[in-house]
Amino acid sequence: MVVAEVKIKLKKGVADPEGANTKKTLELLGFDVADVKAVKVFEIHLGTDDREDAQKKVEEMCQKLLANPVIHEYSITFS
């Protein structure tokens, strides 16, 4: 079984209200924070041991559902 970790984040220049609100709240709590970015992480367990096949399938998942190519960028790692 191959396990893929997919990180989805907003592209540079796209507003990140969740990150901005978290930063503001951390500062109100007294933390010195330069910036906060919200990132989604998906751990996907695939029913294959073929890493090349898994890479193709996870890329397709990202393109069809997990990421919006207009506003998101993503990275995939396997374990």
PDB file of N, CA and C in Angstrom:
ATOM      1  N   MET A   1       0.843  -1.181   0.000  1.00  0.00           N
ATOM      2  CA  MET A   1       0.000   0.000   0.000  1.00  0.00           C
ATOM      3  C   MET A   1       0.887   1.243   0.000  1.00  0.00           C
ATOM      4  N   VAL A   2       0.564   2.173  -0.863  1.00  0.00           N
ATOM      5  CA  VAL A   2       1.279   3.438  -0.947  1.00  0.00           C
ATOM      6  C   VAL A   2       0.443   4.502  -0.242  1.00  0.00           C
ATOM      7  N   VAL A   3       1.099   5.345   0.543  1.00  0.00           N
ATOM      8  CA  VAL A   3       0.425   6.450   1.213  1.00  0.00           C
ATOM      9  C   VAL A   3       0.961   7.750   0.630  1.00  0.00           C
ATOM     10  N   ALA A   4       0.043   8.584   0.145  1.00  0.00           N
ATOM     11  CA  ALA A   4       0.402   9.878  -0.421  1.00  0.00           C
ATOM     12  C   ALA A   4      -0.026  10.979   0.535  1.00  0.00           C
ATOM     13  N   GLU A   5       0.822  11.978   0.674  1.00  0.00           N
ATOM     14  CA  GLU A   5       0.469  13.172   1.430  1.00  0.00           C
ATOM     15  C   GLU A   5       0.407  14.323   0.436  1.00  0.00           C
ATOM     16  N   VAL A   6      -0.761  14.944   0.339  1.00  0.00           N
ATOM     17  CA  VAL A   6      -0.978  16.045  -0.593  1.00  0.00           C
ATOM     18  C   VAL A   6      -1.176  17.322   0.216  1.00  0.00           C
ATOM     19  N   LYS A   7      -0.343  18.323  -0.053  1.00  0.00           N
ATOM     20  CA  LYS A   7      -0.476  19.633   0.585  1.00  0.00           C
ATOM     21  C   LYS A   7      -1.017  20.609  -0.449  1.00  0.00           C
ATOM     22  N   ILE A   8      -2.114  21.270  -0.091  1.00  0.00           N
ATOM     23  CA  ILE A   8      -2.752  22.239  -0.967  1.00  0.00           C
ATOM     24  C   ILE A   8      -2.624  23.609  -0.308  1.00  0.00           C
ATOM     25  N   LYS A   9      -2.051  24.565  -1.039  1.00  0.00           N
ATOM     26  CA  LYS A   9      -1.965  25.923  -0.493  1.00  0.00           C
ATOM     27  C   LYS A   9      -2.339  26.926  -1.567  1.00  0.00           C
ATOM     28  N   LEU A  10      -2.672  28.119  -1.126  1.00  0.00           N
ATOM     29  CA  LEU A  10      -3.055  29.170  -2.049  1.00  0.00           C
ATOM     30  C   LEU A  10      -1.826  29.709  -2.767  1.00  0.00           C
ATOM     31  N   LYS A  11      -2.009  30.070  -4.028  1.00  0.00           N
ATOM     32  CA  LYS A  11      -0.914  30.674  -4.785  1.00  0.00           C
ATOM     33  C   LYS A  11      -0.598  32.052  -4.223  1.00  0.00           C
ATOM     34  N   LYS A  12       0.621  32.494  -4.476  1.00  0.00           N
ATOM     35  CA  LYS A  12       1.047  33.824  -4.041  1.00  0.00           C
ATOM     36  C   LYS A  12       0.116  34.869  -4.646  1.00  0.00           C
ATOM     37  N   GLY A  13      -0.323  35.790  -3.821  1.00  0.00           N
ATOM     38  CA  GLY A  13      -1.196  36.859  -4.279  1.00  0.00           C
ATOM     39  C   GLY A  13      -2.676  36.596  -4.068  1.00  0.00           C
ATOM     40  N   VAL A  14      -3.037  35.354  -3.729  1.00  0.00           N
ATOM     41  CA  VAL A  14      -4.438  35.019  -3.467  1.00  0.00           C
ATOM     42  C   VAL A  14      -4.708  35.271  -1.982  1.00  0.00           C
ATOM     43  N   ALA A  15      -5.799  35.970  -1.689  1.00  0.00           N
ATOM     44  CA  ALA A  15      -6.139  36.301  -0.301  1.00  0.00           C
ATOM     45  C   ALA A  15      -6.327  35.026   0.525  1.00  0.00           C
ATOM     46  N   ASP A  16      -5.821  35.058   1.757  1.00  0.00           N
ATOM     47  CA  ASP A  16      -5.921  33.921   2.673  1.00  0.00           C
ATOM     48  C   ASP A  16      -6.589  34.410   3.961  1.00  0.00           C
ATOM     49  N   PRO A  17      -7.932  34.540   3.959  1.00  0.00           N
ATOM     50  CA  PRO A  17      -8.598  35.071   5.149  1.00  0.00           C
ATOM     51  C   PRO A  17      -8.427  34.197   6.388  1.00  0.00           C
ATOM     52  N   GLU A  18      -8.347  32.882   6.221  1.00  0.00           N
ATOM     53  CA  GLU A  18      -8.148  32.005   7.380  1.00  0.00           C
ATOM     54  C   GLU A  18      -6.780  32.252   8.015  1.00  0.00           C
ATOM     55  N   GLY A  19      -5.761  32.354   7.185  1.00  0.00           N
ATOM     56  CA  GLY A  19      -4.424  32.645   7.695  1.00  0.00           C
ATOM     57  C   GLY A  19      -4.358  34.021   8.345  1.00  0.00           C
ATOM     58  N   ALA A  20      -4.989  35.013   7.722  1.00  0.00           N
ATOM     59  CA  ALA A  20      -4.982  36.377   8.262  1.00  0.00           C
ATOM     60  C   ALA A  20      -5.690  36.451   9.610  1.00  0.00           C
ATOM     61  N   ASN A  21      -6.833  35.776   9.731  1.00  0.00           N
ATOM     62  CA  ASN A  21      -7.552  35.778  11.006  1.00  0.00           C
ATOM     63  C   ASN A  21      -6.776  35.049  12.094  1.00  0.00           C
ATOM     64  N   THR A  22      -6.120  33.969  11.737  1.00  0.00           N
ATOM     65  CA  THR A  22      -5.307  33.231  12.709  1.00  0.00           C
ATOM     66  C   THR A  22      -4.139  34.082  13.179  1.00  0.00           C
ATOM     67  N   LYS A  23      -3.486  34.778  12.247  1.00  0.00           N
ATOM     68  CA  LYS A  23      -2.370  35.671  12.591  1.00  0.00           C
ATOM     69  C   LYS A  23      -2.838  36.750  13.557  1.00  0.00           C
ATOM     70  N   LYS A  24      -3.974  37.365  13.240  1.00  0.00           N
ATOM     71  CA  LYS A  24      -4.516  38.430  14.086  1.00  0.00           C
ATOM     72  C   LYS A  24      -4.800  37.926  15.499  1.00  0.00           C
ATOM     73  N   THR A  25      -5.413  36.757  15.598  1.00  0.00           N
ATOM     74  CA  THR A  25      -5.740  36.193  16.903  1.00  0.00           C
ATOM     75  C   THR A  25      -4.483  35.828  17.687  1.00  0.00           C
ATOM     76  N   LEU A  26      -3.479  35.259  17.016  1.00  0.00           N
ATOM     77  CA  LEU A  26      -2.222  34.941  17.701  1.00  0.00           C
ATOM     78  C   LEU A  26      -1.565  36.210  18.241  1.00  0.00           C
ATOM     79  N   GLU A  27      -1.613  37.293  17.460  1.00  0.00           N
ATOM     80  CA  GLU A  27      -1.045  38.565  17.930  1.00  0.00           C
ATOM     81  C   GLU A  27      -1.819  39.105  19.129  1.00  0.00           C
ATOM     82  N   LEU A  28      -3.145  38.958  19.107  1.00  0.00           N
ATOM     83  CA  LEU A  28      -3.954  39.388  20.254  1.00  0.00           C
ATOM     84  C   LEU A  28      -3.627  38.574  21.506  1.00  0.00           C
ATOM     85  N   LEU A  29      -3.179  37.343  21.306  1.00  0.00           N
ATOM     86  CA  LEU A  29      -2.778  36.498  22.432  1.00  0.00           C
ATOM     87  C   LEU A  29      -1.348  36.769  22.889  1.00  0.00           C
ATOM     88  N   GLY A  30      -0.680  37.710  22.212  1.00  0.00           N
ATOM     89  CA  GLY A  30       0.655  38.111  22.638  1.00  0.00           C
ATOM     90  C   GLY A  30       1.801  37.465  21.890  1.00  0.00           C
ATOM     91  N   PHE A  31       1.515  36.730  20.833  1.00  0.00           N
ATOM     92  CA  PHE A  31       2.576  36.087  20.065  1.00  0.00           C
ATOM     93  C   PHE A  31       3.078  37.019  18.969  1.00  0.00           C
ATOM     94  N   ASP A  32       4.399  37.031  18.772  1.00  0.00           N
ATOM     95  CA  ASP A  32       5.011  37.811  17.708  1.00  0.00           C
ATOM     96  C   ASP A  32       5.036  36.938  16.452  1.00  0.00           C
ATOM     97  N   VAL A  33       4.110  37.201  15.530  1.00  0.00           N
ATOM     98  CA  VAL A  33       3.946  36.360  14.350  1.00  0.00           C
ATOM     99  C   VAL A  33       4.163  37.201  13.094  1.00  0.00           C
ATOM    100  N   ALA A  34       5.059  36.751  12.229  1.00  0.00           N
ATOM    101  CA  ALA A  34       5.318  37.466  10.984  1.00  0.00           C
ATOM    102  C   ALA A  34       4.237  37.199   9.950  1.00  0.00           C
ATOM    103  N   ASP A  35       3.799  35.949   9.833  1.00  0.00           N
ATOM    104  CA  ASP A  35       2.778  35.605   8.851  1.00  0.00           C
ATOM    105  C   ASP A  35       2.226  34.220   9.157  1.00  0.00           C
ATOM    106  N   VAL A  36       1.011  33.965   8.720  1.00  0.00           N
ATOM    107  CA  VAL A  36       0.380  32.657   8.863  1.00  0.00           C
ATOM    108  C   VAL A  36      -0.305  32.336   7.544  1.00  0.00           C
ATOM    109  N   LYS A  37      -0.081  31.141   7.040  1.00  0.00           N
ATOM    110  CA  LYS A  37      -0.720  30.663   5.820  1.00  0.00           C
ATOM    111  C   LYS A  37      -1.478  29.383   6.149  1.00  0.00           C
ATOM    112  N   ALA A  38      -2.716  29.294   5.685  1.00  0.00           N
ATOM    113  CA  ALA A  38      -3.507  28.082   5.874  1.00  0.00           C
ATOM    114  C   ALA A  38      -3.135  27.087   4.773  1.00  0.00           C
ATOM    115  N   VAL A  39      -2.932  25.840   5.164  1.00  0.00           N
ATOM    116  CA  VAL A  39      -2.571  24.773   4.227  1.00  0.00           C
ATOM    117  C   VAL A  39      -3.433  23.555   4.553  1.00  0.00           C
ATOM    118  N   LYS A  40      -4.017  22.940   3.522  1.00  0.00           N
ATOM    119  CA  LYS A  40      -4.757  21.693   3.710  1.00  0.00           C
ATOM    120  C   LYS A  40      -3.819  20.528   3.425  1.00  0.00           C
ATOM    121  N   VAL A  41      -3.942  19.476   4.233  1.00  0.00           N
ATOM    122  CA  VAL A  41      -3.145  18.271   4.018  1.00  0.00           C
ATOM    123  C   VAL A  41      -4.091  17.085   3.939  1.00  0.00           C
ATOM    124  N   PHE A  42      -3.948  16.301   2.873  1.00  0.00           N
ATOM    125  CA  PHE A  42      -4.715  15.080   2.693  1.00  0.00           C
ATOM    126  C   PHE A  42      -3.751  13.899   2.747  1.00  0.00           C
ATOM    127  N   GLU A  43      -4.071  12.902   3.549  1.00  0.00           N
ATOM    128  CA  GLU A  43      -3.323  11.654   3.575  1.00  0.00           C
ATOM    129  C   GLU A  43      -4.176  10.617   2.862  1.00  0.00           C
ATOM    130  N   ILE A  44      -3.677  10.145   1.726  1.00  0.00           N
ATOM    131  CA  ILE A  44      -4.456   9.249   0.879  1.00  0.00           C
ATOM    132  C   ILE A  44      -3.782   7.880   0.838  1.00  0.00           C
ATOM    133  N   HIS A  45      -4.498   6.862   1.264  1.00  0.00           N
ATOM    134  CA  HIS A  45      -3.997   5.489   1.250  1.00  0.00           C
ATOM    135  C   HIS A  45      -4.506   4.825  -0.022  1.00  0.00           C
ATOM    136  N   LEU A  46      -3.597   4.445  -0.880  1.00  0.00           N
ATOM    137  CA  LEU A  46      -3.956   3.855  -2.165  1.00  0.00           C
ATOM    138  C   LEU A  46      -3.814   2.343  -2.110  1.00  0.00           C
ATOM    139  N   GLY A  47      -4.658   1.663  -2.840  1.00  0.00           N
ATOM    140  CA  GLY A  47      -4.638   0.204  -2.848  1.00  0.00           C
ATOM    141  C   GLY A  47      -3.670  -0.353  -3.878  1.00  0.00           C
ATOM    142  N   THR A  48      -2.472   0.213  -3.949  1.00  0.00           N
ATOM    143  CA  THR A  48      -1.464  -0.260  -4.895  1.00  0.00           C
ATOM    144  C   THR A  48      -0.085  -0.130  -4.262  1.00  0.00           C
ATOM    145  N   ASP A  49       0.849  -0.922  -4.749  1.00  0.00           N
ATOM    146  CA  ASP A  49       2.242  -0.796  -4.326  1.00  0.00           C
ATOM    147  C   ASP A  49       3.091  -0.174  -5.430  1.00  0.00           C
ATOM    148  N   ASP A  50       2.472   0.113  -6.558  1.00  0.00           N
ATOM    149  CA  ASP A  50       3.161   0.692  -7.717  1.00  0.00           C
ATOM    150  C   ASP A  50       3.219   2.211  -7.560  1.00  0.00           C
ATOM    151  N   ARG A  51       4.410   2.722  -7.243  1.00  0.00           N
ATOM    152  CA  ARG A  51       4.583   4.144  -6.969  1.00  0.00           C
ATOM    153  C   ARG A  51       4.277   5.000  -8.201  1.00  0.00           C
ATOM    154  N   GLU A  52       4.655   4.528  -9.375  1.00  0.00           N
ATOM    155  CA  GLU A  52       4.401   5.281 -10.604  1.00  0.00           C
ATOM    156  C   GLU A  52       2.894   5.396 -10.865  1.00  0.00           C
ATOM    157  N   ASP A  53       2.171   4.305 -10.682  1.00  0.00           N
ATOM    158  CA  ASP A  53       0.713   4.316 -10.840  1.00  0.00           C
ATOM    159  C   ASP A  53       0.076   5.227  -9.797  1.00  0.00           C
ATOM    160  N   ALA A  54       0.571   5.157  -8.570  1.00  0.00           N
ATOM    161  CA  ALA A  54       0.043   6.000  -7.494  1.00  0.00           C
ATOM    162  C   ALA A  54       0.256   7.475  -7.813  1.00  0.00           C
ATOM    163  N   GLN A  55       1.424   7.824  -8.331  1.00  0.00           N
ATOM    164  CA  GLN A  55       1.717   9.221  -8.691  1.00  0.00           C
ATOM    165  C   GLN A  55       0.704   9.726  -9.714  1.00  0.00           C
ATOM    166  N   LYS A  56       0.431   8.931 -10.737  1.00  0.00           N
ATOM    167  CA  LYS A  56      -0.524   9.325 -11.775  1.00  0.00           C
ATOM    168  C   LYS A  56      -1.921   9.513 -11.194  1.00  0.00           C
ATOM    169  N   LYS A  57      -2.330   8.580 -10.346  1.00  0.00           N
ATOM    170  CA  LYS A  57      -3.674   8.657  -9.758  1.00  0.00           C
ATOM    171  C   LYS A  57      -3.831   9.862  -8.844  1.00  0.00           C
ATOM    172  N   VAL A  58      -2.822  10.133  -8.024  1.00  0.00           N
ATOM    173  CA  VAL A  58      -2.921  11.260  -7.096  1.00  0.00           C
ATOM    174  C   VAL A  58      -2.869  12.584  -7.864  1.00  0.00           C
ATOM    175  N   GLU A  59      -2.066  12.664  -8.914  1.00  0.00           N
ATOM    176  CA  GLU A  59      -2.061  13.865  -9.764  1.00  0.00           C
ATOM    177  C   GLU A  59      -3.462  14.103 -10.331  1.00  0.00           C
ATOM    178  N   GLU A  60      -4.104  13.036 -10.793  1.00  0.00           N
ATOM    179  CA  GLU A  60      -5.450  13.162 -11.351  1.00  0.00           C
ATOM    180  C   GLU A  60      -6.443  13.601 -10.272  1.00  0.00           C
ATOM    181  N   MET A  61      -6.304  13.071  -9.062  1.00  0.00           N
ATOM    182  CA  MET A  61      -7.175  13.475  -7.952  1.00  0.00           C
ATOM    183  C   MET A  61      -7.045  14.973  -7.681  1.00  0.00           C
ATOM    184  N   CYS A  62      -5.803  15.450  -7.693  1.00  0.00           N
ATOM    185  CA  CYS A  62      -5.566  16.873  -7.436  1.00  0.00           C
ATOM    186  C   CYS A  62      -6.188  17.735  -8.529  1.00  0.00           C
ATOM    187  N   GLN A  63      -6.025  17.315  -9.769  1.00  0.00           N
ATOM    188  CA  GLN A  63      -6.533  18.098 -10.889  1.00  0.00           C
ATOM    189  C   GLN A  63      -8.053  18.071 -10.978  1.00  0.00           C
ATOM    190  N   LYS A  64      -8.680  16.957 -10.589  1.00  0.00           N
ATOM    191  CA  LYS A  64     -10.127  16.829 -10.721  1.00  0.00           C
ATOM    192  C   LYS A  64     -10.913  17.297  -9.510  1.00  0.00           C
ATOM    193  N   LEU A  65     -10.301  17.240  -8.311  1.00  0.00           N
ATOM    194  CA  LEU A  65     -11.068  17.528  -7.106  1.00  0.00           C
ATOM    195  C   LEU A  65     -10.337  18.341  -6.048  1.00  0.00           C
ATOM    196  N   LEU A  66      -9.148  17.928  -5.678  1.00  0.00           N
ATOM    197  CA  LEU A  66      -8.521  18.471  -4.477  1.00  0.00           C
ATOM    198  C   LEU A  66      -8.037  19.907  -4.613  1.00  0.00           C
ATOM    199  N   ALA A  67      -7.590  20.301  -5.796  1.00  0.00           N
ATOM    200  CA  ALA A  67      -7.023  21.648  -5.977  1.00  0.00           C
ATOM    201  C   ALA A  67      -7.710  22.364  -7.129  1.00  0.00           C
ATOM    202  N   ASN A  68      -7.894  23.649  -6.952  1.00  0.00           N
ATOM    203  CA  ASN A  68      -8.388  24.512  -8.031  1.00  0.00           C
ATOM    204  C   ASN A  68      -7.156  25.139  -8.664  1.00  0.00           C
ATOM    205  N   PRO A  69      -6.828  24.805  -9.908  1.00  0.00           N
ATOM    206  CA  PRO A  69      -5.582  25.286 -10.503  1.00  0.00           C
ATOM    207  C   PRO A  69      -5.492  26.799 -10.655  1.00  0.00           C
ATOM    208  N   VAL A  70      -6.612  27.483 -10.562  1.00  0.00           N
ATOM    209  CA  VAL A  70      -6.604  28.945 -10.668  1.00  0.00           C
ATOM    210  C   VAL A  70      -6.020  29.575  -9.401  1.00  0.00           C
ATOM    211  N   ILE A  71      -6.330  29.002  -8.240  1.00  0.00           N
ATOM    212  CA  ILE A  71      -5.913  29.630  -6.977  1.00  0.00           C
ATOM    213  C   ILE A  71      -4.996  28.768  -6.117  1.00  0.00           C
ATOM    214  N   HIS A  72      -4.860  27.490  -6.422  1.00  0.00           N
ATOM    215  CA  HIS A  72      -4.073  26.589  -5.559  1.00  0.00           C
ATOM    216  C   HIS A  72      -2.820  26.064  -6.258  1.00  0.00           C
ATOM    217  N   GLU A  73      -1.847  25.741  -5.434  1.00  0.00           N
ATOM    218  CA  GLU A  73      -0.714  24.921  -5.867  1.00  0.00           C
ATOM    219  C   GLU A  73      -0.644  23.758  -4.884  1.00  0.00           C
ATOM    220  N   TYR A  74      -0.062  22.659  -5.338  1.00  0.00           N
ATOM    221  CA  TYR A  74      -0.019  21.484  -4.473  1.00  0.00           C
ATOM    222  C   TYR A  74       1.306  20.758  -4.608  1.00  0.00           C
ATOM    223  N   SER A  75       1.597  19.975  -3.570  1.00  0.00           N
ATOM    224  CA  SER A  75       2.785  19.114  -3.605  1.00  0.00           C
ATOM    225  C   SER A  75       2.371  17.742  -3.108  1.00  0.00           C
ATOM    226  N   ILE A  76       3.033  16.730  -3.642  1.00  0.00           N
ATOM    227  CA  ILE A  76       2.719  15.340  -3.300  1.00  0.00           C
ATOM    228  C   ILE A  76       3.983  14.654  -2.820  1.00  0.00           C
ATOM    229  N   THR A  77       3.899  13.991  -1.670  1.00  0.00           N
ATOM    230  CA  THR A  77       5.003  13.161  -1.188  1.00  0.00           C
ATOM    231  C   THR A  77       4.439  11.783  -0.867  1.00  0.00           C
ATOM    232  N   PHE A  78       5.297  10.779  -0.955  1.00  0.00           N
ATOM    233  CA  PHE A  78       4.869   9.397  -0.696  1.00  0.00           C
ATOM    234  C   PHE A  78       5.668   8.797   0.443  1.00  0.00           C
ATOM    235  N   SER A  79       5.000   7.920   1.187  1.00  0.00           N
ATOM    236  CA  SER A  79       5.702   7.182   2.250  1.00  0.00           C
ATOM    237  C   SER A  79       5.345   5.728   2.170  1.00  0.00           C
TER     238      SER A  79
END
